[in-house]
Amino acid sequence: MNIKIVVVTAGMLLASTAVFAQSSTVTGAAGGAATGAIVGGPVGAAVGGIVGGVAGSVIDPPPQQVVTYVQQAPAPTTRVVVKEKVVVGQPLPETVVVTPVPDDPKYAYAIVNDQRVIVEPSSRKVIQVIQ
């Protein structure tokens, strides 16, 4: 009986926020649900989906003018390579130089492993990897 309540509640919460879902939210919810299912079965999947969705929605995609600026920014003369994989939501290593976006101080960028990435300056968390 309690499992049904949790699943129904989780379904209602996810459905009520579906209108505002962005790709990061969907990715967070899917990742949270998969992890929750491994750890706690169906109930874990429901709870993990909610928690992952909330965590995923925290990172909003940058505006198009920021993406365009980072795409057109000149590459540094020295190539930056790190062993860690560059992952959205994870911070860049401290050894990577992060350059602020002049017109929008909420964002910064770096070119790491030949990938341009947009980051949140204070936490150094990757917001978007530009393909």
C-alpha atoms as a PDB file:
ATOM      1  CA  MET A   1       0.000   0.000   0.000  1.00  0.00           C
ATOM      2  CA  ASN A   2       2.791   2.473   0.886  1.00  0.00           C
ATOM      3  CA  ILE A   3       4.581   1.723  -2.380  1.00  0.00           C
ATOM      4  CA  LYS A   4       1.465   2.684  -4.347  1.00  0.00           C
ATOM      5  CA  ILE A   5       1.251   5.998  -2.470  1.00  0.00           C
ATOM      6  CA  VAL A   6       4.901   6.797  -3.169  1.00  0.00           C
ATOM      7  CA  VAL A   7       4.588   5.875  -6.853  1.00  0.00           C
ATOM      8  CA  VAL A   8       1.353   7.849  -7.314  1.00  0.00           C
ATOM      9  CA  THR A   9       2.816  10.869  -5.492  1.00  0.00           C
ATOM     10  CA  ALA A  10       6.003  10.695  -7.559  1.00  0.00           C
ATOM     11  CA  GLY A  11       3.943  10.469 -10.737  1.00  0.00           C
ATOM     12  CA  MET A  12       1.895  13.512  -9.799  1.00  0.00           C
ATOM     13  CA  LEU A  13       5.002  15.536  -8.951  1.00  0.00           C
ATOM     14  CA  LEU A  14       6.697  14.611 -12.189  1.00  0.00           C
ATOM     15  CA  ALA A  15       3.567  15.286 -14.236  1.00  0.00           C
ATOM     16  CA  SER A  16       3.009  18.695 -12.627  1.00  0.00           C
ATOM     17  CA  THR A  17       6.509  19.829 -13.554  1.00  0.00           C
ATOM     18  CA  ALA A  18       6.537  18.316 -17.050  1.00  0.00           C
ATOM     19  CA  VAL A  19       5.518  21.622 -18.602  1.00  0.00           C
ATOM     20  CA  PHE A  20       8.688  23.249 -17.305  1.00  0.00           C
ATOM     21  CA  ALA A  21      10.992  20.334 -18.138  1.00  0.00           C
ATOM     22  CA  GLN A  22      14.184  21.083 -20.020  1.00  0.00           C
ATOM     23  CA  SER A  23      16.738  18.644 -21.339  1.00  0.00           C
ATOM     24  CA  SER A  24      18.827  18.890 -18.169  1.00  0.00           C
ATOM     25  CA  THR A  25      15.794  18.081 -16.034  1.00  0.00           C
ATOM     26  CA  VAL A  26      14.909  15.083 -18.148  1.00  0.00           C
ATOM     27  CA  THR A  27      18.484  13.854 -18.030  1.00  0.00           C
ATOM     28  CA  GLY A  28      18.619  14.358 -14.268  1.00  0.00           C
ATOM     29  CA  ALA A  29      15.319  12.557 -13.747  1.00  0.00           C
ATOM     30  CA  ALA A  30      16.339   9.638 -15.951  1.00  0.00           C
ATOM     31  CA  GLY A  31      19.717   9.314 -14.256  1.00  0.00           C
ATOM     32  CA  GLY A  32      18.167   9.600 -10.810  1.00  0.00           C
ATOM     33  CA  ALA A  33      15.526   7.004 -11.632  1.00  0.00           C
ATOM     34  CA  ALA A  34      18.110   4.547 -12.965  1.00  0.00           C
ATOM     35  CA  THR A  35      20.339   4.981  -9.929  1.00  0.00           C
ATOM     36  CA  GLY A  36      17.387   4.763  -7.569  1.00  0.00           C
ATOM     37  CA  ALA A  37      16.167   1.566  -9.237  1.00  0.00           C
ATOM     38  CA  ILE A  38      19.557  -0.065  -8.745  1.00  0.00           C
ATOM     39  CA  VAL A  39      19.729   0.930  -5.095  1.00  0.00           C
ATOM     40  CA  GLY A  40      16.113   0.690  -3.981  1.00  0.00           C
ATOM     41  CA  GLY A  41      13.985  -1.048  -6.605  1.00  0.00           C
ATOM     42  CA  PRO A  42      10.738   0.564  -7.821  1.00  0.00           C
ATOM     43  CA  VAL A  43      10.422   2.908  -4.852  1.00  0.00           C
ATOM     44  CA  GLY A  44      14.052   3.953  -5.276  1.00  0.00           C
ATOM     45  CA  ALA A  45      13.403   4.627  -8.952  1.00  0.00           C
ATOM     46  CA  ALA A  46      10.466   6.911  -8.145  1.00  0.00           C
ATOM     47  CA  VAL A  47      12.354   8.854  -5.478  1.00  0.00           C
ATOM     48  CA  GLY A  48      15.553   8.951  -7.553  1.00  0.00           C
ATOM     49  CA  GLY A  49      13.638  10.329 -10.524  1.00  0.00           C
ATOM     50  CA  ILE A  50      12.277  13.193  -8.448  1.00  0.00           C
ATOM     51  CA  VAL A  51      15.624  14.022  -6.842  1.00  0.00           C
ATOM     52  CA  GLY A  52      17.451  13.735 -10.178  1.00  0.00           C
ATOM     53  CA  GLY A  53      14.875  15.943 -11.874  1.00  0.00           C
ATOM     54  CA  VAL A  54      15.305  18.648  -9.279  1.00  0.00           C
ATOM     55  CA  ALA A  55      19.094  18.445  -9.474  1.00  0.00           C
ATOM     56  CA  GLY A  56      18.980  18.509 -13.278  1.00  0.00           C
ATOM     57  CA  SER A  57      16.782  21.586 -13.360  1.00  0.00           C
ATOM     58  CA  VAL A  58      19.262  23.609 -11.304  1.00  0.00           C
ATOM     59  CA  ILE A  59      21.582  23.966 -14.297  1.00  0.00           C
ATOM     60  CA  ASP A  60      19.786  26.142 -16.835  1.00  0.00           C
ATOM     61  CA  PRO A  61      21.146  26.283 -20.356  1.00  0.00           C
ATOM     62  CA  PRO A  62      22.971  29.517 -21.183  1.00  0.00           C
ATOM     63  CA  PRO A  63      21.428  32.096 -23.532  1.00  0.00           C
ATOM     64  CA  GLN A  64      22.238  31.781 -27.244  1.00  0.00           C
ATOM     65  CA  GLN A  65      24.454  34.891 -27.230  1.00  0.00           C
ATOM     66  CA  VAL A  66      26.721  33.222 -24.639  1.00  0.00           C
ATOM     67  CA  VAL A  67      26.907  30.032 -26.713  1.00  0.00           C
ATOM     68  CA  THR A  68      27.738  32.064 -29.828  1.00  0.00           C
ATOM     69  CA  TYR A  69      30.442  34.021 -27.981  1.00  0.00           C
ATOM     70  CA  VAL A  70      32.079  30.811 -26.708  1.00  0.00           C
ATOM     71  CA  GLN A  71      31.899  29.214 -30.172  1.00  0.00           C
ATOM     72  CA  GLN A  72      33.680  32.220 -31.706  1.00  0.00           C
ATOM     73  CA  ALA A  73      36.218  32.883 -28.934  1.00  0.00           C
ATOM     74  CA  PRO A  74      39.811  32.338 -30.040  1.00  0.00           C
ATOM     75  CA  ALA A  75      41.404  29.148 -28.794  1.00  0.00           C
ATOM     76  CA  PRO A  76      44.382  29.513 -26.439  1.00  0.00           C
ATOM     77  CA  THR A  77      47.833  28.897 -27.905  1.00  0.00           C
ATOM     78  CA  THR A  78      48.500  26.174 -25.333  1.00  0.00           C
ATOM     79  CA  ARG A  79      46.274  23.107 -25.555  1.00  0.00           C
ATOM     80  CA  VAL A  80      44.610  22.108 -22.255  1.00  0.00           C
ATOM     81  CA  VAL A  81      44.238  18.362 -21.659  1.00  0.00           C
ATOM     82  CA  VAL A  82      42.900  16.720 -18.513  1.00  0.00           C
ATOM     83  CA  LYS A  83      42.481  13.027 -17.668  1.00  0.00           C
ATOM     84  CA  GLU A  84      38.982  13.502 -16.270  1.00  0.00           C
ATOM     85  CA  LYS A  85      36.039  13.379 -18.651  1.00  0.00           C
ATOM     86  CA  VAL A  86      34.268  16.728 -19.047  1.00  0.00           C
ATOM     87  CA  VAL A  87      30.733  16.145 -17.739  1.00  0.00           C
ATOM     88  CA  VAL A  88      27.784  18.524 -17.438  1.00  0.00           C
ATOM     89  CA  GLY A  89      27.114  19.210 -13.752  1.00  0.00           C
ATOM     90  CA  GLN A  90      30.652  18.383 -12.647  1.00  0.00           C
ATOM     91  CA  PRO A  91      33.298  21.013 -11.887  1.00  0.00           C
ATOM     92  CA  LEU A  92      36.369  21.462 -14.043  1.00  0.00           C
ATOM     93  CA  PRO A  93      39.710  20.690 -12.364  1.00  0.00           C
ATOM     94  CA  GLU A  94      41.413  23.664 -10.696  1.00  0.00           C
ATOM     95  CA  THR A  95      44.243  23.421 -13.240  1.00  0.00           C
ATOM     96  CA  VAL A  96      41.911  24.543 -16.048  1.00  0.00           C
ATOM     97  CA  VAL A  97      41.818  28.284 -16.690  1.00  0.00           C
ATOM     98  CA  VAL A  98      38.236  29.558 -16.819  1.00  0.00           C
ATOM     99  CA  THR A  99      37.629  32.790 -18.763  1.00  0.00           C
ATOM    100  CA  PRO A 100      34.604  34.994 -17.944  1.00  0.00           C
ATOM    101  CA  VAL A 101      32.132  35.846 -20.714  1.00  0.00           C
ATOM    102  CA  PRO A 102      32.430  39.665 -20.911  1.00  0.00           C
ATOM    103  CA  ASP A 103      28.774  40.460 -21.623  1.00  0.00           C
ATOM    104  CA  ASP A 104      27.340  37.980 -19.098  1.00  0.00           C
ATOM    105  CA  PRO A 105      29.320  37.468 -15.864  1.00  0.00           C
ATOM    106  CA  LYS A 106      27.036  34.575 -14.825  1.00  0.00           C
ATOM    107  CA  TYR A 107      28.963  32.443 -17.328  1.00  0.00           C
ATOM    108  CA  ALA A 108      32.549  31.580 -18.113  1.00  0.00           C
ATOM    109  CA  TYR A 109      34.150  29.198 -20.561  1.00  0.00           C
ATOM    110  CA  ALA A 110      37.150  26.996 -21.128  1.00  0.00           C
ATOM    111  CA  ILE A 111      38.525  24.854 -23.923  1.00  0.00           C
ATOM    112  CA  VAL A 112      39.445  21.478 -22.499  1.00  0.00           C
ATOM    113  CA  ASN A 113      40.406  18.315 -24.410  1.00  0.00           C
ATOM    114  CA  ASP A 114      39.538  20.241 -27.609  1.00  0.00           C
ATOM    115  CA  GLN A 115      35.991  20.825 -26.323  1.00  0.00           C
ATOM    116  CA  ARG A 116      34.501  24.227 -25.635  1.00  0.00           C
ATOM    117  CA  VAL A 117      32.594  24.226 -22.369  1.00  0.00           C
ATOM    118  CA  ILE A 118      30.445  26.822 -20.632  1.00  0.00           C
ATOM    119  CA  VAL A 119      30.764  26.862 -16.861  1.00  0.00           C
ATOM    120  CA  GLU A 120      29.326  28.587 -13.802  1.00  0.00           C
ATOM    121  CA  PRO A 121      32.303  30.698 -12.647  1.00  0.00           C
ATOM    122  CA  SER A 122      32.076  30.376  -8.864  1.00  0.00           C
ATOM    123  CA  SER A 123      31.600  26.602  -8.737  1.00  0.00           C
ATOM    124  CA  ARG A 124      33.372  25.806 -12.036  1.00  0.00           C
ATOM    125  CA  LYS A 125      30.519  23.397 -12.818  1.00  0.00           C
ATOM    126  CA  VAL A 126      30.085  22.582 -16.486  1.00  0.00           C
ATOM    127  CA  ILE A 127      26.754  23.913 -17.768  1.00  0.00           C
ATOM    128  CA  GLN A 128      27.105  22.939 -21.405  1.00  0.00           C
ATOM    129  CA  VAL A 129      29.584  21.198 -23.681  1.00  0.00           C
ATOM    130  CA  ILE A 130      29.439  22.786 -27.130  1.00  0.00           C
ATOM    131  CA  GLN A 131      29.607  20.231 -29.928  1.00  0.00           C
END
